[in-house]
Amino acid sequence: MRWRATFRIENHELGAVLWSCAYFFCLLCSYYILRPVRDEMGIVGGVEQLQWLFTGTFVVMLLVVPLFGAATRRFARRTLLPAVYLFFIANLVIFYVLFNSDIATRHVARMFFIWLSVFNLFVVSVFWSFMADLFSNAQARRLFGLIAAGGSAGAVLGPALTAMLVKSLGPVNLLLVSAAFLLGAVTCIRQLVRWADAAVPVADEHAEPVPMARAATDAPMGGGILAGLSLLFRSPYLLGIALYILLYTWLATFLYFEQAHIVKAAYTDSATRTQVFAGMDLAVNSLTIVTQLFITARLVERLGLPMTLALVPALMLLGFAALGAAPVLGVLVGFQVMRRAGNYAVAKPAREMLFTVVSREEKYKAKNVIDTLVYRGGDAASGWLFAGLTGLGLSLSALAFVAIPVALVFALTALWLGHRQEDLRNLPRVQPPR
């Protein structure tokens, strides 16, 4: 069939791919309905306080990661994954009540900014852990771009709904719309677990076994609540991934802070700023979905994983050079749209492929530490660095130039990781690779 040739899906994979796309669609639609609201809440809470918000997010992560580690010890995947999303749905209802109460808006805005910054990393990390658990390395190279496109479709609809509805419904009522999509993600998880339990393992076109779930593999993983940290520090490969994430967050946070300052200077109306953020999200995700559907898998195949991972670092190096030369709204928007689209369409699927060659415990526990604690730790540190350099009198232009050597190190780290992953995937799978 033509669709098989275009999207490179085997017949036995179709059900899993469709449910995975639907799962990621609901998840990112839910998040992107709220993302423009979060960005506006960051401004409402005070641009000068952003570094505190990033620090608050990191502190919350310090509390959440051990709790997730404890949950993986006790609960099977079929119970754990839906419970994570139901917990966040309950949080959305609580915020809906708080925003409609007499509590000071600025304090609730700061709480919501921190909460959504935890939410988006945590739920997406859980999603990709599940995907790396269901699909083999060879399948991931063919299918992760397509699965990510399902999420991008939701990421297109989310900001479009926000842009259309924010002035008529108001930002607060969008929380309930987001919760409804998150509930849809729970339904998809249950279908995927049911499908995986019933599936018969079939060798894929690369003669690599399909690691479909069984009752035994769905059992709780055991281990200590801080096992993710232990696994991380014992593995140079996982530490390399953590460094990659740290460098990415360092650069992305610098760009986010520059965005907040430039947009605040350009627009004074809150609803207008929310629409601008939603418009950027819409542009990013429209570009992303086209790339994921038709380019990502072929890019990995033709360039190899090392060069694919290094594309976004190279783009960020050029982007910060342009922003340093002209720190204005047009350059910022162009850079931010290209950077985020490149990350979601190319770097993110490629980065998730790195985890297909590690053990199941590392996929859930160590990966969660990297995706949440390391990520937000990098955010907090770079936020304070940005504030400190601003306090020393550096301009937005100078701060952009400071980021250029970091982008170079980021690119070199990406190349090393890609080569290391290709080495590890050829090793016998007797023990978890280190």
Protein backbone atom coordinates (compact mmCIF):
# COMPACT_ATOMS: atom_id res chain seq x y z
CA MET A 1 0.00 0.00 0.00
CA ARG A 2 1.09 3.55 -0.67
CA TRP A 3 0.67 4.62 2.95
CA ARG A 4 3.02 1.85 4.03
CA ALA A 5 5.69 3.06 1.63
CA THR A 6 5.17 6.69 2.66
CA PHE A 7 5.06 6.22 6.43
CA ARG A 8 7.11 3.00 6.66
CA ILE A 9 4.65 1.11 8.91
CA GLU A 10 4.39 -2.68 9.05
CA ASN A 11 0.91 -4.22 9.30
CA HIS A 12 1.45 -5.58 12.81
CA GLU A 13 2.52 -2.12 14.02
CA LEU A 14 -0.49 -0.16 12.75
CA GLY A 15 -2.68 -0.48 15.85
CA ALA A 16 0.10 0.58 18.21
CA VAL A 17 1.10 3.52 16.01
CA LEU A 18 -2.47 4.84 15.74
CA TRP A 19 -3.09 4.63 19.48
CA SER A 20 0.32 6.17 20.18
CA CYS A 21 -0.43 9.07 17.81
CA ALA A 22 -3.83 9.60 19.45
CA TYR A 23 -2.25 9.48 22.92
CA PHE A 24 0.37 12.10 22.04
CA PHE A 25 -2.25 14.18 20.20
CA CYS A 26 -4.43 14.44 23.32
CA LEU A 27 -1.44 15.05 25.56
CA LEU A 28 0.07 17.93 23.60
CA CYS A 29 -3.28 19.47 22.75
CA SER A 30 -3.98 19.62 26.48
CA TYR A 31 -0.60 21.21 27.17
CA TYR A 32 -0.64 23.70 24.30
CA ILE A 33 -4.05 25.01 25.29
CA LEU A 34 -2.35 26.06 28.52
CA ARG A 35 1.13 27.06 27.29
CA PRO A 36 0.16 30.58 26.09
CA VAL A 37 -1.66 31.06 29.39
CA ARG A 38 1.49 30.00 31.27
CA ASP A 39 3.67 32.41 29.28
CA GLU A 40 1.27 35.23 30.10
CA MET A 41 1.20 34.15 33.77
CA GLY A 42 5.00 34.47 33.77
CA ILE A 43 4.63 38.11 32.77
CA VAL A 44 1.74 38.71 35.19
CA GLY A 45 3.88 37.24 37.97
CA GLY A 46 6.66 39.67 37.05
CA VAL A 47 9.39 39.33 34.41
CA GLU A 48 11.93 40.26 37.06
CA GLN A 49 10.81 37.19 39.06
CA LEU A 50 11.24 34.58 36.30
CA GLN A 51 14.43 33.16 37.79
CA TRP A 52 12.53 32.51 41.04
CA LEU A 53 9.81 30.70 39.10
CA PHE A 54 12.39 28.48 37.43
CA THR A 55 13.99 27.79 40.81
CA GLY A 56 10.58 26.97 42.28
CA THR A 57 10.01 24.53 39.43
CA PHE A 58 13.31 22.79 40.18
CA VAL A 59 12.45 22.51 43.89
CA VAL A 60 9.09 20.93 43.03
CA MET A 61 10.90 18.49 40.76
CA LEU A 62 13.14 17.49 43.68
CA LEU A 63 9.98 16.43 45.49
CA VAL A 64 8.20 14.82 42.55
CA VAL A 65 11.01 12.58 41.21
CA PRO A 66 11.35 10.46 44.42
CA LEU A 67 7.56 10.12 44.54
CA PHE A 68 7.54 8.80 40.98
CA GLY A 69 10.39 6.45 41.87
CA ALA A 70 8.35 5.12 44.78
CA ALA A 71 5.33 4.67 42.51
CA THR A 72 7.33 2.61 39.98
CA ARG A 73 8.34 0.29 42.83
CA ARG A 74 4.77 -0.49 43.78
CA PHE A 75 2.54 -0.22 40.72
CA ALA A 76 2.41 -2.00 37.39
CA ARG A 77 2.53 0.07 34.21
CA ARG A 78 -1.19 -0.39 33.50
CA THR A 79 -1.99 1.25 36.85
CA LEU A 80 0.86 3.76 37.10
CA LEU A 81 0.51 5.55 33.77
CA PRO A 82 -3.22 6.39 33.96
CA ALA A 83 -2.79 7.43 37.61
CA VAL A 84 -0.15 10.01 36.64
CA TYR A 85 -2.53 11.72 34.22
CA LEU A 86 -5.56 11.51 36.50
CA PHE A 87 -3.50 13.26 39.17
CA PHE A 88 -2.77 16.16 36.83
CA ILE A 89 -6.43 16.37 35.78
CA ALA A 90 -7.32 16.82 39.45
CA ASN A 91 -4.69 19.58 39.66
CA LEU A 92 -6.32 21.43 36.76
CA VAL A 93 -9.67 21.38 38.52
CA ILE A 94 -8.01 22.79 41.66
CA PHE A 95 -6.42 25.64 39.68
CA TYR A 96 -9.77 26.37 38.05
CA VAL A 97 -11.25 26.85 41.52
CA LEU A 98 -8.29 28.97 42.68
CA PHE A 99 -8.44 31.32 39.69
CA ASN A 100 -12.14 31.85 40.37
CA SER A 101 -11.54 32.57 44.06
CA ASP A 102 -10.52 35.77 45.84
CA ILE A 103 -6.88 34.66 46.22
CA ALA A 104 -4.36 37.19 44.86
CA THR A 105 -4.04 36.61 41.11
CA ARG A 106 -0.28 37.21 41.04
CA HIS A 107 0.41 34.42 43.55
CA VAL A 108 -1.86 31.94 41.78
CA ALA A 109 -0.27 32.94 38.46
CA ARG A 110 3.17 32.05 39.84
CA MET A 111 1.89 28.75 41.21
CA PHE A 112 0.33 27.90 37.85
CA PHE A 113 3.55 28.77 35.97
CA ILE A 114 5.53 26.38 38.19
CA TRP A 115 2.88 23.67 38.01
CA LEU A 116 2.64 23.70 34.21
CA SER A 117 6.44 23.72 33.92
CA VAL A 118 6.46 20.49 35.97
CA PHE A 119 3.44 19.05 34.18
CA ASN A 120 4.72 19.38 30.62
CA LEU A 121 8.08 17.70 31.25
CA PHE A 122 6.72 14.98 33.48
CA VAL A 123 3.82 13.78 31.32
CA VAL A 124 5.86 13.91 28.10
CA SER A 125 8.71 12.01 29.78
CA VAL A 126 6.28 9.29 30.84
CA PHE A 127 4.92 9.13 27.29
CA TRP A 128 8.32 8.61 25.68
CA SER A 129 9.36 6.09 28.35
CA PHE A 130 6.29 4.09 27.36
CA MET A 131 7.15 4.40 23.64
CA ALA A 132 10.77 3.29 24.20
CA ASP A 133 9.38 0.33 26.15
CA LEU A 134 6.98 -0.72 23.37
CA PHE A 135 9.17 -0.31 20.29
CA SER A 136 12.60 -1.62 19.33
CA ASN A 137 15.51 0.57 18.22
CA ALA A 138 14.91 -0.21 14.53
CA GLN A 139 11.20 0.54 14.89
CA ALA A 140 11.94 3.78 16.71
CA ARG A 141 14.03 5.02 13.78
CA ARG A 142 11.08 4.46 11.45
CA LEU A 143 8.14 5.31 13.68
CA PHE A 144 9.08 7.90 16.30
CA GLY A 145 8.90 10.77 13.82
CA LEU A 146 5.40 9.71 12.80
CA ILE A 147 4.29 9.22 16.40
CA ALA A 148 5.70 12.64 17.26
CA ALA A 149 3.62 14.06 14.39
CA GLY A 150 0.49 12.88 16.21
CA GLY A 151 1.57 15.06 19.12
CA SER A 152 2.29 17.96 16.79
CA ALA A 153 -1.22 17.75 15.38
CA GLY A 154 -2.48 18.24 18.93
CA ALA A 155 0.06 20.99 19.41
CA VAL A 156 -1.41 22.77 16.36
CA LEU A 157 -4.98 22.44 17.60
CA GLY A 158 -4.16 23.51 21.18
CA PRO A 159 -2.87 27.05 20.52
CA ALA A 160 -5.45 27.49 17.74
CA LEU A 161 -8.21 26.78 20.30
CA THR A 162 -6.57 29.17 22.77
CA ALA A 163 -6.28 31.97 20.19
CA MET A 164 -9.93 31.51 19.19
CA LEU A 165 -11.44 31.06 22.64
CA VAL A 166 -9.33 33.09 25.07
CA LYS A 167 -11.23 36.36 24.61
CA SER A 168 -14.69 34.78 24.67
CA LEU A 169 -14.17 32.16 27.40
CA GLY A 170 -11.29 33.78 29.28
CA PRO A 171 -8.02 32.02 30.19
CA VAL A 172 -9.45 30.31 33.29
CA ASN A 173 -12.13 28.30 31.48
CA LEU A 174 -9.50 26.91 29.12
CA LEU A 175 -8.25 24.80 32.04
CA LEU A 176 -11.34 22.59 31.81
CA VAL A 177 -10.96 22.21 28.04
CA SER A 178 -7.38 21.09 28.63
CA ALA A 179 -8.49 18.58 31.27
CA ALA A 180 -10.90 16.97 28.80
CA PHE A 181 -8.09 16.28 26.32
CA LEU A 182 -5.92 14.89 29.11
CA LEU A 183 -8.70 12.45 29.95
CA GLY A 184 -8.57 11.31 26.31
CA ALA A 185 -4.87 10.50 26.81
CA VAL A 186 -5.81 8.16 29.68
CA THR A 187 -8.16 6.27 27.36
CA CYS A 188 -5.36 5.83 24.82
CA ILE A 189 -2.98 4.48 27.47
CA ARG A 190 -5.47 1.82 28.45
CA GLN A 191 -5.95 0.79 24.83
CA LEU A 192 -2.19 0.60 24.24
CA VAL A 193 -1.61 -1.55 27.32
CA ARG A 194 -4.47 -3.86 26.25
CA TRP A 195 -3.06 -4.07 22.71
CA ALA A 196 0.48 -4.76 23.94
CA ASP A 197 -0.68 -7.54 26.26
CA ALA A 198 -2.52 -9.24 23.39
CA ALA A 199 0.17 -8.73 20.73
CA VAL A 200 2.28 -11.58 19.42
CA PRO A 201 5.95 -10.59 19.07
CA VAL A 202 6.88 -10.32 15.39
CA ALA A 203 10.36 -9.72 13.99
CA ASP A 204 10.50 -6.41 12.17
CA GLU A 205 12.13 -5.77 8.81
CA HIS A 206 15.54 -5.36 10.49
CA ALA A 207 15.32 -8.81 12.14
CA GLU A 208 15.17 -7.19 15.56
CA PRO A 209 12.59 -8.58 18.03
CA VAL A 210 9.62 -6.40 18.87
CA PRO A 211 9.67 -5.92 22.67
CA MET A 212 5.91 -6.11 23.22
CA ALA A 213 4.70 -6.07 26.80
CA ARG A 214 3.84 -9.25 28.69
CA ALA A 215 2.35 -9.77 32.13
CA ALA A 216 5.84 -10.27 33.51
CA THR A 217 7.21 -7.07 31.99
CA ASP A 218 4.20 -5.12 33.24
CA ALA A 219 5.06 -5.95 36.86
CA PRO A 220 6.36 -3.22 39.20
CA MET A 221 10.06 -2.61 38.61
CA GLY A 222 11.17 -2.57 42.24
CA GLY A 223 14.34 -0.80 43.32
CA GLY A 224 14.75 2.21 45.60
CA ILE A 225 12.91 5.49 45.17
CA LEU A 226 16.20 7.12 44.13
CA ALA A 227 17.18 4.30 41.76
CA GLY A 228 16.98 6.68 38.80
CA LEU A 229 19.81 8.79 40.20
CA SER A 230 21.90 5.70 40.92
CA LEU A 231 21.40 4.37 37.39
CA LEU A 232 22.28 7.78 35.94
CA PHE A 233 25.58 8.16 37.80
CA ARG A 234 26.70 4.61 36.98
CA SER A 235 26.36 5.09 33.22
CA PRO A 236 28.65 7.39 31.16
CA TYR A 237 26.14 7.09 28.32
CA LEU A 238 23.24 8.33 30.47
CA LEU A 239 25.46 11.08 31.89
CA GLY A 240 26.16 12.14 28.31
CA ILE A 241 22.42 12.40 27.67
CA ALA A 242 22.07 14.44 30.88
CA LEU A 243 24.80 16.83 29.67
CA TYR A 244 22.99 17.15 26.33
CA ILE A 245 19.81 18.11 28.19
CA LEU A 246 21.63 20.59 30.44
CA LEU A 247 23.20 22.38 27.49
CA TYR A 248 19.87 22.47 25.67
CA THR A 249 18.04 23.94 28.67
CA TRP A 250 20.81 26.48 29.23
CA LEU A 251 20.32 27.82 25.71
CA ALA A 252 16.52 27.48 25.61
CA THR A 253 16.12 29.31 28.93
CA PHE A 254 18.33 32.19 27.79
CA LEU A 255 16.16 32.49 24.69
CA TYR A 256 12.96 32.30 26.76
CA PHE A 257 14.13 35.13 29.01
CA GLU A 258 15.03 37.24 26.00
CA GLN A 259 11.58 36.49 24.58
CA ALA A 260 9.86 37.67 27.78
CA HIS A 261 11.76 40.98 27.77
CA ILE A 262 11.29 41.68 24.06
CA VAL A 263 7.57 40.78 23.98
CA LYS A 264 6.86 42.78 27.13
CA ALA A 265 8.50 45.83 25.54
CA ALA A 266 6.53 45.36 22.30
CA TYR A 267 3.01 44.83 23.74
CA THR A 268 1.28 46.18 26.85
CA ASP A 269 -2.07 44.33 26.64
CA SER A 270 -2.31 40.92 28.35
CA ALA A 271 -4.76 39.36 25.88
CA THR A 272 -2.66 40.56 22.93
CA ARG A 273 0.49 39.01 24.38
CA THR A 274 -1.38 35.73 24.93
CA GLN A 275 -2.47 35.81 21.28
CA VAL A 276 1.11 36.47 20.16
CA PHE A 277 2.35 33.47 22.14
CA ALA A 278 -0.47 31.33 20.72
CA GLY A 279 0.40 32.49 17.20
CA MET A 280 4.03 31.48 17.70
CA ASP A 281 2.93 28.08 18.98
CA LEU A 282 0.68 27.63 15.94
CA ALA A 283 3.53 28.48 13.53
CA VAL A 284 5.94 26.17 15.36
CA ASN A 285 3.61 23.22 15.39
CA SER A 286 2.40 23.61 11.80
CA LEU A 287 6.02 23.52 10.62
CA THR A 288 6.79 20.66 12.98
CA ILE A 289 4.05 18.32 11.81
CA VAL A 290 5.01 18.58 8.14
CA THR A 291 8.64 17.84 9.00
CA GLN A 292 7.74 14.88 11.23
CA LEU A 293 5.46 13.27 8.65
CA PHE A 294 7.75 13.44 5.65
CA ILE A 295 11.30 14.28 6.70
CA THR A 296 12.34 13.05 10.18
CA ALA A 297 12.65 9.31 9.48
CA ARG A 298 14.43 9.91 6.18
CA LEU A 299 16.75 12.43 7.83
CA VAL A 300 17.93 9.86 10.38
CA GLU A 301 18.34 7.29 7.63
CA ARG A 302 20.41 9.53 5.36
CA LEU A 303 22.41 11.59 7.84
CA GLY A 304 22.68 9.06 10.65
CA LEU A 305 21.79 9.70 14.27
CA PRO A 306 24.94 11.73 15.17
CA MET A 307 24.40 14.40 12.49
CA THR A 308 20.65 14.46 13.10
CA LEU A 309 21.19 15.16 16.80
CA ALA A 310 23.64 17.96 15.94
CA LEU A 311 21.28 19.85 13.60
CA VAL A 312 19.43 21.82 16.30
CA PRO A 313 22.63 22.75 18.19
CA ALA A 314 24.00 24.14 14.90
CA LEU A 315 20.76 26.05 14.33
CA MET A 316 20.95 27.53 17.85
CA LEU A 317 24.53 28.66 17.27
CA LEU A 318 23.46 30.57 14.15
CA GLY A 319 20.29 31.87 15.80
CA PHE A 320 22.05 33.37 18.81
CA ALA A 321 24.54 35.02 16.47
CA ALA A 322 21.62 36.64 14.58
CA LEU A 323 19.89 37.67 17.82
CA GLY A 324 23.11 39.16 19.12
CA ALA A 325 23.41 41.25 15.98
CA ALA A 326 19.74 42.38 16.09
CA PRO A 327 17.82 41.70 19.36
CA VAL A 328 14.41 42.72 17.94
CA LEU A 329 10.97 41.08 17.85
CA GLY A 330 11.19 39.85 14.23
CA VAL A 331 14.53 38.09 14.73
CA LEU A 332 13.36 36.64 18.04
CA VAL A 333 10.16 35.21 16.57
CA GLY A 334 11.97 33.72 13.56
CA PHE A 335 14.67 32.15 15.73
CA GLN A 336 12.24 30.85 18.33
CA VAL A 337 9.92 29.31 15.74
CA MET A 338 12.78 27.59 13.89
CA ARG A 339 14.45 26.44 17.11
CA ARG A 340 11.32 24.95 18.62
CA ALA A 341 10.16 23.36 15.36
CA GLY A 342 13.61 21.83 14.87
CA ASN A 343 13.59 20.52 18.42
CA TYR A 344 10.15 18.93 18.23
CA ALA A 345 10.46 17.58 14.69
CA VAL A 346 14.09 16.43 14.64
CA ALA A 347 15.99 16.66 17.94
CA LYS A 348 13.25 15.30 20.21
CA PRO A 349 12.50 12.08 18.25
CA ALA A 350 16.25 11.56 17.74
CA ARG A 351 16.90 12.11 21.45
CA GLU A 352 14.25 9.53 22.38
CA MET A 353 16.00 7.00 20.12
CA LEU A 354 18.96 7.20 22.52
CA PHE A 355 16.87 5.38 25.15
CA THR A 356 15.98 2.38 22.97
CA VAL A 357 19.36 0.78 23.78
CA VAL A 358 19.11 0.95 27.59
CA SER A 359 17.37 -1.32 30.08
CA ARG A 360 13.67 -1.06 30.91
CA GLU A 361 14.42 0.30 34.40
CA GLU A 362 16.68 2.97 32.89
CA LYS A 363 13.93 3.89 30.40
CA TYR A 364 11.50 4.75 33.18
CA LYS A 365 13.64 5.73 36.16
CA ALA A 366 16.87 7.26 34.86
CA LYS A 367 15.07 8.82 31.90
CA ASN A 368 12.54 10.45 34.21
CA VAL A 369 15.37 11.95 36.29
CA ILE A 370 17.01 13.34 33.14
CA ASP A 371 13.78 14.63 31.60
CA THR A 372 12.55 16.32 34.76
CA LEU A 373 15.14 16.94 37.48
CA VAL A 374 18.13 17.55 35.19
CA TYR A 375 16.03 19.57 32.76
CA ARG A 376 14.55 21.89 35.37
CA GLY A 377 17.84 22.08 37.25
CA GLY A 378 19.38 23.43 34.06
CA ASP A 379 16.48 25.87 33.73
CA ALA A 380 16.96 27.18 37.26
CA ALA A 381 20.74 27.55 36.98
CA SER A 382 20.60 29.30 33.62
CA GLY A 383 17.78 31.54 34.84
CA TRP A 384 19.92 32.83 37.69
CA LEU A 385 22.89 33.18 35.36
CA PHE A 386 20.80 35.29 33.00
CA ALA A 387 19.61 37.44 35.92
CA GLY A 388 23.17 37.80 37.22
CA LEU A 389 24.59 38.82 33.85
CA THR A 390 21.71 41.26 33.36
CA GLY A 391 22.47 42.71 36.81
CA LEU A 392 26.08 43.25 35.70
CA GLY A 393 24.78 45.41 32.89
CA LEU A 394 24.95 43.05 29.90
CA SER A 395 22.48 43.88 27.17
CA LEU A 396 20.19 41.39 25.42
CA SER A 397 22.61 41.49 22.49
CA ALA A 398 25.62 40.65 24.67
CA LEU A 399 23.72 37.82 26.38
CA ALA A 400 22.97 36.27 22.99
CA PHE A 401 26.66 36.28 22.10
CA VAL A 402 27.48 34.59 25.45
CA ALA A 403 25.36 31.62 24.34
CA ILE A 404 27.35 30.92 21.15
CA PRO A 405 30.25 28.87 22.68
CA VAL A 406 27.72 26.87 24.70
CA ALA A 407 25.93 25.97 21.45
CA LEU A 408 29.24 24.73 20.05
CA VAL A 409 29.78 22.38 23.03
CA PHE A 410 26.13 21.29 22.63
CA ALA A 411 26.82 20.25 19.02
CA LEU A 412 29.93 18.26 19.96
CA THR A 413 28.02 16.44 22.73
CA ALA A 414 25.28 15.54 20.25
CA LEU A 415 27.79 14.01 17.84
CA TRP A 416 29.37 11.89 20.60
CA LEU A 417 26.00 10.62 21.82
CA GLY A 418 24.87 9.65 18.33
CA HIS A 419 28.03 7.61 17.72
CA ARG A 420 27.79 5.98 21.15
CA GLN A 421 24.17 4.95 20.56
CA GLU A 422 25.11 3.32 17.28
CA ASP A 423 27.85 1.38 19.07
CA LEU A 424 25.52 0.25 21.87
CA ARG A 425 22.74 -0.94 19.59
CA ASN A 426 25.13 -3.49 18.11
CA LEU A 427 26.04 -4.97 21.50
CA PRO A 428 24.43 -8.24 22.71
CA ARG A 429 21.47 -7.42 25.00
CA VAL A 430 22.51 -9.60 27.89
CA GLN A 431 22.98 -6.79 30.36
CA PRO A 432 21.81 -3.15 30.36
CA PRO A 433 24.40 -1.14 28.35
CA ARG A 434 26.58 1.25 30.30
